[in-house]
Amino acid sequence: MRQTITSDSDNGTTRRRIPAKRKNTVRAIVRGSAFGFGLSLLLFLAANWTARLRFQTLVNERHRAGERVVLEDFQTAPLPDDQNAATYLERAAKCFELDWRRGWVYYGVSDYELPDEARDTVREILLKHPEILPLLRRADSCDKADWHAKWRSPIIENLDLKFINRQRQLGQILYPYGVDQHELGNDLAALECVEHLLTIARAIDQQPDYASHRAACSFDEYAAQLCLRISLRKLSAHANANVDRGEFNRAAKKLISEFLDDDSRIYRAKQAWLEHRVEMVDGLLNPSVPAVARFADGPLLYWTAGDHMQAYDALLCACQAKRWSDARDEYGRKAVTTKFALFDETCPPLGQLEPQFESMTARHAAALALALRLYADDHNGQYPADLQNLVPRYLVSIPSDPFGGPGATLKYLPGNRPAVYSVSYDGIDSHGDRAASIDPEGGPTLSPWRARDAVFPLGGALLPADKLPKKVIIHTGVAVRVPVKRH
């Protein structure tokens, strides 16, 4: 290509003149780049608008269904302290501090005969802090609990759940105290401990969060285990002149009603999963993400947030079922694999609902065990040969088996030390087979869910107290069991 060189005689410079053809080429490239950038920007804005519109549509649909969807939906007016169960529970928990290095504290005593160390420690605490039990009774009288959670974005960094550990410590003294009172013949005080544990479970579950819900399920099971332990009638039962049999019966029937109240538990489980969904969405859209990154990734973030919202629908539907088979079927119908722009993800696994159904089964077993105890009290210590003998005087109907088929109820193993059982996850009646319920690795501990059937014997399935490790070594957040000589 020829170029023309011209000189400027006035200032002594020489200029290279670019041919018109090259100028046109450069202009075309600039115009094309500007057009491409403009088109890309328009497409990006369109994609961003579409993703935001889709997300807002999903939010509006769930709002119309009465669900809590965004962070603002979880803001509630604070409760007055005198009507707040959490206030009394926190005050009770702060009265003492347990040594978590002690084996009975770390592992709990629900699977063991009551060790002398646990009995003496609990008696000493309650003698030194007589205000604990009155505070728990005040908490029992409150229907609502407010743990003063910080509902602000990002949720995962601001939500304080330390109260769960403090309440777990409170439960670690209530269970031994209830067993101790039962062994002394004061079953009314033992039932009061069951009520306290249920109050803790109910209060924790009112903090809508998956971790809180898991902890509440654990407290429900803990209360059910204590109730099973109390339900085995002792010769010394009601021998204490301070125990009124009529009052004991009223307290037992109140607990039976509470144990069989599945609707309130299901409601709280749903609220926990709604919060978990908001937490996942907030992790994508929270204001702490730099504005430039939030703008650049806008379409991806909002599309992903919408996919998260749809993915949780399966679990939200499944958690409202009262039978495991119904939850599994509902989950299978609703579960979807969401295709995000950068990665694939499936909806939360069905296994995350296992604590809910296990605690429901334990509560049903505890209600049935209490009804058996009331029957035995009225029939000179004799338990019924058939569960139908409990209806309608002690139970409106036999409690359902959440792991059985439609219309299935818990099964009964009669005898001097009767037991009730569920068919467990496989749905097959193995006639109370519990051969695999002992876990030699964990302490050892007992779990009805390791066996073919989940068996709940009256009086509890107890290991000797000397099997419980004396102490644990805790370092860097890990507990190591110290070998203990077995006699």
Protein backbone atom coordinates (compact mmCIF):
# COMPACT_ATOMS: atom_id res chain seq x y z
CA MET A 1 0.00 0.00 0.00
CA ARG A 2 1.41 3.30 -0.97
CA GLN A 3 1.69 6.06 1.61
CA THR A 4 2.05 9.77 0.85
CA ILE A 5 4.64 11.74 2.78
CA THR A 6 4.11 15.50 3.05
CA SER A 7 6.24 18.19 4.68
CA ASP A 8 5.14 21.17 6.68
CA SER A 9 7.57 24.02 5.80
CA ASP A 10 6.23 26.34 8.49
CA ASN A 11 7.30 24.23 11.47
CA GLY A 12 9.79 21.94 9.73
CA THR A 13 7.88 18.69 10.43
CA THR A 14 7.02 15.85 8.15
CA ARG A 15 3.57 14.12 8.33
CA ARG A 16 2.66 10.67 7.02
CA ARG A 17 -0.77 10.81 5.34
CA ILE A 18 -2.91 7.65 5.91
CA PRO A 19 -4.79 6.60 2.84
CA ALA A 20 -8.58 6.87 2.90
CA LYS A 21 -9.00 3.10 2.50
CA ARG A 22 -7.18 2.36 5.74
CA LYS A 23 -9.17 5.08 7.54
CA ASN A 24 -12.39 3.41 6.48
CA THR A 25 -11.16 0.04 7.74
CA VAL A 26 -10.30 1.46 11.17
CA ARG A 27 -13.65 3.21 11.37
CA ALA A 28 -15.41 -0.05 10.53
CA ILE A 29 -13.54 -1.93 13.25
CA VAL A 30 -14.38 0.75 15.83
CA ARG A 31 -18.02 0.80 14.80
CA GLY A 32 -18.19 -2.98 14.86
CA SER A 33 -16.62 -3.13 18.31
CA ALA A 34 -18.99 -0.47 19.61
CA PHE A 35 -21.96 -2.31 18.10
CA GLY A 36 -20.79 -5.63 19.58
CA PHE A 37 -20.25 -4.08 23.00
CA GLY A 38 -23.64 -2.38 22.89
CA LEU A 39 -25.34 -5.59 21.79
CA SER A 40 -23.56 -7.57 24.54
CA LEU A 41 -24.59 -4.97 27.10
CA LEU A 42 -28.19 -5.14 25.93
CA LEU A 43 -28.16 -8.94 26.09
CA PHE A 44 -26.58 -8.83 29.57
CA LEU A 45 -29.17 -6.33 30.79
CA ALA A 46 -31.94 -8.45 29.28
CA ALA A 47 -30.56 -11.58 30.97
CA ASN A 48 -30.23 -9.70 34.26
CA TRP A 49 -33.78 -8.38 34.00
CA THR A 50 -35.09 -11.86 33.10
CA ALA A 51 -33.28 -13.52 36.03
CA ARG A 52 -34.49 -10.88 38.48
CA LEU A 53 -38.04 -11.09 37.15
CA ARG A 54 -37.99 -14.90 37.46
CA PHE A 55 -36.66 -14.67 41.02
CA GLN A 56 -39.25 -12.07 42.02
CA THR A 57 -42.01 -14.18 40.46
CA LEU A 58 -40.90 -17.17 42.55
CA VAL A 59 -40.84 -14.97 45.66
CA ASN A 60 -44.35 -13.65 44.95
CA GLU A 61 -45.73 -17.14 44.35
CA ARG A 62 -44.45 -18.33 47.73
CA HIS A 63 -45.65 -15.20 49.49
CA ARG A 64 -49.12 -15.88 48.14
CA ALA A 65 -48.85 -19.41 49.55
CA GLY A 66 -48.19 -17.91 52.99
CA GLU A 67 -44.48 -18.84 53.16
CA ARG A 68 -41.69 -16.76 54.61
CA VAL A 69 -39.35 -16.16 51.70
CA VAL A 70 -37.02 -13.20 52.28
CA LEU A 71 -35.04 -12.05 55.29
CA GLU A 72 -37.56 -9.37 56.25
CA ASP A 73 -40.25 -12.03 56.69
CA PHE A 74 -38.40 -13.43 59.71
CA GLN A 75 -38.35 -10.16 61.63
CA THR A 76 -40.71 -10.36 64.61
CA ALA A 77 -41.60 -8.03 67.44
CA PRO A 78 -39.60 -8.81 70.60
CA LEU A 79 -41.38 -10.63 73.42
CA PRO A 80 -41.62 -9.16 76.93
CA ASP A 81 -39.20 -10.97 79.23
CA ASP A 82 -41.96 -12.24 81.53
CA GLN A 83 -43.62 -13.99 78.54
CA ASN A 84 -40.42 -15.31 76.99
CA ALA A 85 -39.44 -18.91 77.77
CA ALA A 86 -35.95 -18.28 76.42
CA THR A 87 -35.31 -15.66 79.12
CA TYR A 88 -35.93 -18.15 81.94
CA LEU A 89 -34.05 -20.97 80.22
CA GLU A 90 -30.99 -18.79 79.67
CA ARG A 91 -31.01 -17.64 83.30
CA ALA A 92 -31.24 -21.25 84.47
CA ALA A 93 -28.41 -22.38 82.16
CA LYS A 94 -26.09 -19.61 83.37
CA CYS A 95 -26.33 -20.72 87.01
CA PHE A 96 -23.72 -23.45 86.60
CA GLU A 97 -20.98 -24.79 84.37
CA LEU A 98 -20.40 -28.49 83.71
CA ASP A 99 -17.01 -30.05 83.07
CA TRP A 100 -17.30 -31.52 79.57
CA ARG A 101 -14.24 -33.67 80.21
CA ARG A 102 -16.31 -35.88 82.48
CA GLY A 103 -17.56 -38.93 80.61
CA TRP A 104 -21.12 -38.76 81.90
CA VAL A 105 -21.39 -35.12 80.79
CA TYR A 106 -19.87 -35.60 77.35
CA TYR A 107 -21.68 -38.81 76.42
CA GLY A 108 -24.83 -38.37 78.51
CA VAL A 109 -26.41 -41.04 80.72
CA SER A 110 -29.47 -41.96 78.67
CA ASP A 111 -27.94 -45.31 77.66
CA TYR A 112 -26.51 -46.22 81.07
CA GLU A 113 -27.46 -46.98 84.60
CA LEU A 114 -27.12 -43.73 86.53
CA PRO A 115 -23.49 -43.30 87.68
CA ASP A 116 -22.93 -42.14 91.26
CA GLU A 117 -20.81 -39.25 89.99
CA ALA A 118 -23.69 -37.91 87.87
CA ARG A 119 -26.18 -38.31 90.73
CA ASP A 120 -23.94 -36.52 93.24
CA THR A 121 -23.01 -33.71 90.84
CA VAL A 122 -26.62 -32.94 89.92
CA ARG A 123 -27.75 -32.98 93.54
CA GLU A 124 -24.95 -30.60 94.45
CA ILE A 125 -25.81 -28.19 91.60
CA LEU A 126 -29.50 -28.07 92.46
CA LEU A 127 -28.74 -27.68 96.16
CA LYS A 128 -26.33 -24.82 95.45
CA HIS A 129 -28.65 -23.17 92.91
CA PRO A 130 -32.24 -23.69 94.13
CA GLU A 131 -33.46 -21.08 91.64
CA ILE A 132 -32.96 -23.40 88.66
CA LEU A 133 -36.16 -25.45 89.04
CA PRO A 134 -38.45 -22.41 89.64
CA LEU A 135 -36.97 -20.77 86.52
CA LEU A 136 -37.74 -23.90 84.51
CA ARG A 137 -41.31 -23.94 85.80
CA ARG A 138 -41.70 -20.33 84.67
CA ALA A 139 -40.40 -21.34 81.24
CA ASP A 140 -42.95 -24.18 81.11
CA SER A 141 -45.74 -21.63 81.48
CA CYS A 142 -44.60 -19.60 78.44
CA ASP A 143 -45.83 -20.57 74.99
CA LYS A 144 -43.31 -18.53 73.01
CA ALA A 145 -39.56 -18.09 72.97
CA ASP A 146 -37.37 -15.37 71.48
CA TRP A 147 -33.63 -15.97 71.48
CA HIS A 148 -32.94 -12.46 70.11
CA ALA A 149 -31.36 -13.74 66.91
CA LYS A 150 -29.78 -11.13 64.68
CA TRP A 151 -31.74 -11.32 61.44
CA ARG A 152 -29.48 -9.38 59.16
CA SER A 153 -27.47 -10.17 56.07
CA PRO A 154 -25.31 -12.15 55.71
CA ILE A 155 -27.29 -14.55 57.91
CA ILE A 156 -24.57 -17.16 58.19
CA GLU A 157 -22.25 -14.64 59.87
CA ASN A 158 -24.77 -12.88 62.11
CA LEU A 159 -27.02 -15.67 63.40
CA ASP A 160 -25.88 -16.50 66.94
CA LEU A 161 -26.76 -20.06 67.97
CA LYS A 162 -24.51 -20.36 71.02
CA PHE A 163 -27.57 -20.71 73.22
CA ILE A 164 -27.99 -24.29 71.93
CA ASN A 165 -24.85 -25.46 73.75
CA ARG A 166 -25.97 -23.75 76.94
CA GLN A 167 -29.34 -25.49 76.74
CA ARG A 168 -27.65 -28.81 76.04
CA GLN A 169 -25.79 -28.37 79.32
CA LEU A 170 -29.12 -27.77 81.06
CA GLY A 171 -30.46 -31.00 79.59
CA GLN A 172 -27.42 -32.87 80.89
CA ILE A 173 -28.50 -32.24 84.48
CA LEU A 174 -32.27 -32.62 83.97
CA TYR A 175 -32.03 -36.20 82.70
CA PRO A 176 -29.97 -37.55 85.65
CA TYR A 177 -32.16 -35.62 88.06
CA GLY A 178 -35.29 -37.18 86.58
CA VAL A 179 -33.81 -40.69 86.82
CA ASP A 180 -32.69 -40.02 90.39
CA GLN A 181 -36.17 -38.88 91.40
CA HIS A 182 -37.72 -41.94 89.74
CA GLU A 183 -35.40 -44.26 91.64
CA LEU A 184 -36.37 -42.47 94.86
CA GLY A 185 -40.05 -43.09 94.09
CA ASN A 186 -40.86 -39.44 93.31
CA ASP A 187 -42.22 -39.98 89.80
CA LEU A 188 -44.11 -36.69 89.79
CA ALA A 189 -40.81 -34.78 89.97
CA ALA A 190 -39.41 -37.10 87.29
CA LEU A 191 -42.33 -36.26 84.98
CA GLU A 192 -41.67 -32.60 85.65
CA CYS A 193 -38.14 -33.11 84.27
CA VAL A 194 -39.67 -34.59 81.10
CA GLU A 195 -41.83 -31.47 80.79
CA HIS A 196 -38.75 -29.26 81.23
CA LEU A 197 -36.91 -31.10 78.44
CA LEU A 198 -39.91 -30.72 76.13
CA THR A 199 -40.03 -27.01 76.96
CA ILE A 200 -36.38 -26.65 75.95
CA ALA A 201 -37.09 -28.52 72.70
CA ARG A 202 -40.11 -26.35 71.95
CA ALA A 203 -38.26 -23.12 72.76
CA ILE A 204 -35.20 -24.00 70.66
CA ASP A 205 -37.40 -24.99 67.74
CA GLN A 206 -38.95 -21.51 67.74
CA GLN A 207 -35.60 -20.21 66.50
CA PRO A 208 -36.19 -21.09 62.81
CA ASP A 209 -32.90 -22.58 61.72
CA TYR A 210 -31.88 -26.06 60.63
CA ALA A 211 -29.27 -26.37 63.42
CA SER A 212 -31.89 -25.34 66.01
CA HIS A 213 -34.36 -27.82 64.57
CA ARG A 214 -31.81 -30.66 64.79
CA ALA A 215 -31.11 -29.72 68.42
CA ALA A 216 -34.85 -29.61 69.20
CA CYS A 217 -35.29 -33.10 67.73
CA SER A 218 -32.46 -34.31 69.99
CA PHE A 219 -34.18 -32.83 73.06
CA ASP A 220 -37.47 -34.45 72.03
CA GLU A 221 -35.73 -37.83 71.89
CA TYR A 222 -34.00 -37.13 75.20
CA ALA A 223 -37.36 -36.37 76.83
CA ALA A 224 -38.84 -39.53 75.30
CA GLN A 225 -35.96 -41.65 76.64
CA LEU A 226 -36.46 -40.25 80.14
CA CYS A 227 -40.18 -40.91 79.86
CA LEU A 228 -39.51 -44.53 78.85
CA ARG A 229 -37.21 -44.90 81.83
CA ILE A 230 -39.90 -43.59 84.18
CA SER A 231 -42.64 -45.70 82.62
CA LEU A 232 -41.39 -48.97 84.10
CA ARG A 233 -43.39 -49.26 87.30
CA LYS A 234 -41.29 -49.66 90.44
CA LEU A 235 -42.51 -51.13 93.70
CA SER A 236 -41.60 -47.85 95.35
CA ALA A 237 -43.70 -45.82 92.93
CA HIS A 238 -46.16 -43.53 94.72
CA ALA A 239 -44.76 -44.75 98.05
CA ASN A 240 -43.60 -41.21 98.73
CA ALA A 241 -46.33 -39.43 100.67
CA ASN A 242 -45.57 -36.24 98.73
CA VAL A 243 -46.64 -37.85 95.44
CA ASP A 244 -50.34 -37.60 94.73
CA ARG A 245 -51.52 -40.30 92.34
CA GLY A 246 -54.25 -38.15 90.83
CA GLU A 247 -51.74 -35.38 90.18
CA PHE A 248 -49.35 -37.90 88.64
CA ASN A 249 -52.09 -39.16 86.31
CA ARG A 250 -52.97 -35.63 85.22
CA ALA A 251 -49.32 -34.82 84.53
CA ALA A 252 -48.89 -38.09 82.59
CA LYS A 253 -51.96 -37.47 80.43
CA LYS A 254 -50.77 -33.94 79.69
CA LEU A 255 -47.43 -35.34 78.51
CA ILE A 256 -49.18 -37.99 76.40
CA SER A 257 -51.10 -35.24 74.64
CA GLU A 258 -47.93 -33.24 74.04
CA PHE A 259 -45.96 -36.23 72.79
CA LEU A 260 -48.69 -36.96 70.22
CA ASP A 261 -48.96 -33.36 68.99
CA ASP A 262 -47.33 -33.87 65.58
CA ASP A 263 -48.86 -30.82 63.89
CA SER A 264 -46.94 -28.24 65.93
CA ARG A 265 -43.67 -30.11 65.35
CA ILE A 266 -44.32 -30.33 61.62
CA TYR A 267 -45.08 -26.61 61.52
CA ARG A 268 -41.80 -25.79 63.25
CA ALA A 269 -39.89 -28.17 60.96
CA LYS A 270 -41.30 -26.33 57.95
CA GLN A 271 -40.26 -22.97 59.44
CA ALA A 272 -36.73 -24.30 59.96
CA TRP A 273 -36.45 -25.33 56.30
CA LEU A 274 -37.89 -22.00 55.17
CA GLU A 275 -35.13 -20.26 57.12
CA HIS A 276 -32.52 -22.60 55.67
CA ARG A 277 -33.73 -21.72 52.18
CA VAL A 278 -33.49 -18.00 52.95
CA GLU A 279 -29.99 -18.54 54.32
CA MET A 280 -28.88 -20.21 51.07
CA VAL A 281 -30.42 -17.44 48.95
CA ASP A 282 -28.99 -14.74 51.20
CA GLY A 283 -25.53 -16.24 50.73
CA LEU A 284 -25.84 -15.40 47.03
CA LEU A 285 -27.58 -12.03 47.16
CA ASN A 286 -26.41 -10.46 50.42
CA PRO A 287 -25.17 -6.82 50.27
CA SER A 288 -21.69 -7.76 51.51
CA VAL A 289 -20.89 -8.97 47.97
CA PRO A 290 -19.05 -6.10 46.19
CA ALA A 291 -21.38 -4.05 44.00
CA VAL A 292 -19.27 -4.57 40.87
CA ALA A 293 -19.25 -8.35 41.35
CA ARG A 294 -22.96 -8.34 42.15
CA PHE A 295 -23.66 -6.42 38.93
CA ALA A 296 -21.33 -8.52 36.78
CA ASP A 297 -22.67 -11.82 38.13
CA GLY A 298 -26.25 -10.59 38.45
CA PRO A 299 -27.91 -12.97 35.97
CA LEU A 300 -26.06 -15.99 37.36
CA LEU A 301 -26.71 -15.06 41.01
CA TYR A 302 -30.42 -14.43 40.58
CA TRP A 303 -30.92 -17.48 38.38
CA THR A 304 -29.06 -19.61 40.92
CA ALA A 305 -31.10 -18.13 43.79
CA GLY A 306 -34.30 -19.01 41.93
CA ASP A 307 -33.06 -22.56 41.40
CA HIS A 308 -32.29 -22.86 45.12
CA MET A 309 -35.82 -21.74 45.89
CA GLN A 310 -37.32 -24.40 43.61
CA ALA A 311 -34.95 -27.07 44.89
CA TYR A 312 -36.19 -26.63 48.48
CA ASP A 313 -39.82 -27.21 47.48
CA ALA A 314 -39.27 -30.97 47.57
CA LEU A 315 -37.99 -30.95 51.14
CA LEU A 316 -40.66 -28.49 52.30
CA CYS A 317 -43.40 -30.78 50.98
CA ALA A 318 -41.76 -33.92 52.38
CA CYS A 319 -41.27 -32.49 55.89
CA GLN A 320 -45.03 -31.98 56.24
CA ALA A 321 -45.78 -35.70 55.87
CA LYS A 322 -46.53 -37.81 58.95
CA ARG A 323 -45.15 -41.04 57.49
CA TRP A 324 -41.69 -41.70 56.15
CA SER A 325 -43.06 -43.47 53.06
CA ASP A 326 -45.26 -40.46 52.25
CA ALA A 327 -42.30 -38.09 52.73
CA ARG A 328 -40.15 -40.27 50.46
CA ASP A 329 -42.83 -40.38 47.75
CA GLU A 330 -43.50 -36.64 47.96
CA TYR A 331 -39.79 -35.92 47.79
CA GLY A 332 -39.44 -38.16 44.73
CA ARG A 333 -42.23 -36.32 42.93
CA LYS A 334 -40.90 -32.86 43.70
CA ALA A 335 -37.14 -33.39 43.63
CA VAL A 336 -35.42 -31.78 40.66
CA THR A 337 -31.83 -31.40 39.53
CA THR A 338 -31.18 -27.73 39.03
CA LYS A 339 -28.86 -26.73 36.20
CA PHE A 340 -26.89 -23.66 37.17
CA ALA A 341 -24.76 -21.78 34.71
CA LEU A 342 -21.46 -22.81 36.31
CA PHE A 343 -22.31 -25.97 38.24
CA ASP A 344 -24.99 -28.58 38.85
CA GLU A 345 -26.73 -29.05 42.19
CA THR A 346 -29.55 -31.20 43.45
CA CYS A 347 -32.11 -30.33 46.10
CA PRO A 348 -31.19 -31.07 49.75
CA PRO A 349 -31.09 -34.84 50.42
CA LEU A 350 -34.04 -36.62 51.97
CA GLY A 351 -31.77 -37.92 54.72
CA GLN A 352 -31.87 -34.49 56.35
CA LEU A 353 -35.44 -35.30 57.45
CA GLU A 354 -34.38 -38.42 59.38
CA PRO A 355 -34.04 -36.64 62.77
CA GLN A 356 -37.59 -35.32 62.43
CA PHE A 357 -39.11 -38.77 61.86
CA GLU A 358 -36.91 -40.50 64.43
CA SER A 359 -37.91 -38.00 67.13
CA MET A 360 -41.57 -38.33 66.09
CA THR A 361 -41.36 -42.10 66.53
CA ALA A 362 -39.64 -41.74 69.92
CA ARG A 363 -42.37 -39.34 71.09
CA HIS A 364 -45.10 -41.76 70.02
CA ALA A 365 -43.31 -44.57 71.85
CA ALA A 366 -43.03 -42.41 74.99
CA ALA A 367 -46.77 -41.61 74.90
CA LEU A 368 -47.59 -45.30 74.55
CA ALA A 369 -45.20 -46.20 77.38
CA LEU A 370 -46.85 -43.65 79.69
CA ALA A 371 -50.28 -45.10 78.87
CA LEU A 372 -48.95 -48.57 79.71
CA ARG A 373 -47.64 -47.24 83.01
CA LEU A 374 -51.04 -45.72 83.88
CA TYR A 375 -52.71 -49.05 83.05
CA ALA A 376 -50.26 -50.93 85.27
CA ASP A 377 -50.90 -48.50 88.16
CA ASP A 378 -54.62 -49.27 87.91
CA HIS A 379 -54.15 -53.07 87.60
CA ASN A 380 -51.78 -53.97 90.45
CA GLY A 381 -48.66 -53.65 88.33
CA GLN A 382 -49.91 -55.87 85.50
CA TYR A 383 -49.39 -54.64 81.95
CA PRO A 384 -52.05 -55.33 79.29
CA ALA A 385 -51.82 -58.33 76.99
CA ASP A 386 -52.93 -56.18 74.05
CA LEU A 387 -52.66 -52.48 73.27
CA GLN A 388 -56.38 -52.22 72.53
CA ASN A 389 -56.95 -52.48 76.29
CA LEU A 390 -55.58 -48.93 76.54
CA VAL A 391 -58.35 -47.47 74.35
CA PRO A 392 -60.27 -45.29 75.14
CA ARG A 393 -59.45 -44.82 78.85
CA TYR A 394 -55.74 -44.12 78.49
CA LEU A 395 -55.40 -43.31 74.78
CA VAL A 396 -57.81 -42.05 72.15
CA SER A 397 -56.14 -44.41 69.69
CA ILE A 398 -52.91 -46.39 69.42
CA PRO A 399 -50.09 -44.05 68.28
CA SER A 400 -49.14 -44.41 64.64
CA ASP A 401 -45.83 -45.79 63.42
CA PRO A 402 -44.25 -43.08 61.23
CA PHE A 403 -42.23 -45.76 59.44
CA GLY A 404 -45.14 -48.10 58.80
CA GLY A 405 -47.64 -48.11 55.99
CA PRO A 406 -51.06 -46.39 55.96
CA GLY A 407 -52.89 -47.10 59.20
CA ALA A 408 -49.87 -48.79 60.81
CA THR A 409 -49.41 -48.36 64.57
CA LEU A 410 -46.56 -49.05 66.96
CA LYS A 411 -46.17 -52.72 67.90
CA TYR A 412 -46.12 -54.22 71.40
CA LEU A 413 -43.96 -56.83 73.11
CA PRO A 414 -45.86 -57.79 76.32
CA GLY A 415 -44.26 -59.22 79.44
CA ASN A 416 -42.99 -58.16 82.87
CA ARG A 417 -40.73 -55.66 81.13
CA PRO A 418 -42.72 -54.78 78.02
CA ALA A 419 -41.47 -52.85 75.01
CA VAL A 420 -42.95 -51.03 72.04
CA TYR A 421 -41.32 -50.90 68.64
CA SER A 422 -41.41 -49.41 65.17
CA VAL A 423 -40.68 -51.27 61.94
CA SER A 424 -37.98 -48.65 61.23
CA TYR A 425 -36.69 -47.57 57.82
CA ASP A 426 -37.17 -50.83 55.92
CA GLY A 427 -40.87 -50.92 56.80
CA ILE A 428 -40.68 -54.66 57.56
CA ASP A 429 -41.92 -56.06 60.87
CA SER A 430 -39.04 -58.12 62.29
CA HIS A 431 -40.98 -58.81 65.51
CA GLY A 432 -38.86 -56.55 67.67
CA ASP A 433 -35.39 -57.58 66.45
CA ARG A 434 -32.86 -55.26 68.11
CA ALA A 435 -29.70 -57.35 67.93
CA ALA A 436 -27.64 -54.61 66.26
CA SER A 437 -28.67 -51.71 68.51
CA ILE A 438 -25.37 -51.50 70.44
CA ASP A 439 -22.61 -49.37 68.96
CA PRO A 440 -19.29 -50.49 70.53
CA GLU A 441 -17.40 -47.51 69.08
CA GLY A 442 -19.28 -44.58 70.57
CA GLY A 443 -18.87 -45.18 74.25
CA PRO A 444 -20.49 -47.75 73.76
CA THR A 445 -23.98 -46.34 73.13
CA LEU A 446 -27.37 -47.69 72.20
CA SER A 447 -29.37 -46.62 69.18
CA PRO A 448 -32.66 -48.25 68.21
CA TRP A 449 -32.12 -47.10 64.61
CA ARG A 450 -29.19 -49.43 63.96
CA ALA A 451 -31.33 -52.53 64.44
CA ARG A 452 -33.90 -53.98 62.03
CA ASP A 453 -36.71 -52.72 64.28
CA ALA A 454 -36.53 -49.63 66.49
CA VAL A 455 -37.34 -51.07 69.93
CA PHE A 456 -38.18 -48.90 72.96
CA PRO A 457 -38.30 -51.01 76.16
CA LEU A 458 -40.02 -49.61 79.24
CA GLY A 459 -37.32 -48.73 81.72
CA GLY A 460 -34.89 -48.08 78.86
CA ALA A 461 -32.23 -50.31 77.33
CA LEU A 462 -29.40 -49.66 79.78
CA LEU A 463 -25.73 -50.52 79.81
CA PRO A 464 -23.86 -50.95 83.12
CA ALA A 465 -22.61 -47.68 84.60
CA ASP A 466 -18.99 -48.90 84.56
CA LYS A 467 -19.11 -49.07 80.76
CA LEU A 468 -19.37 -45.29 80.64
CA PRO A 469 -15.93 -43.69 80.09
CA LYS A 470 -14.75 -41.79 83.16
CA LYS A 471 -13.33 -38.86 81.25
CA VAL A 472 -12.54 -37.59 77.78
CA ILE A 473 -9.61 -35.53 76.57
CA ILE A 474 -10.72 -32.47 74.63
CA HIS A 475 -8.16 -30.69 72.46
CA THR A 476 -8.55 -28.53 69.34
CA GLY A 477 -12.26 -29.19 69.40
CA VAL A 478 -11.87 -32.99 69.25
CA ALA A 479 -12.75 -35.31 72.10
CA VAL A 480 -10.72 -38.48 72.51
CA ARG A 481 -12.07 -41.25 74.71
CA VAL A 482 -9.72 -42.38 77.44
CA PRO A 483 -9.58 -46.19 77.73
CA VAL A 484 -11.18 -47.36 80.94
CA LYS A 485 -10.56 -50.74 82.56
CA ARG A 486 -13.61 -52.97 82.36
CA HIS A 487 -14.32 -54.96 85.49
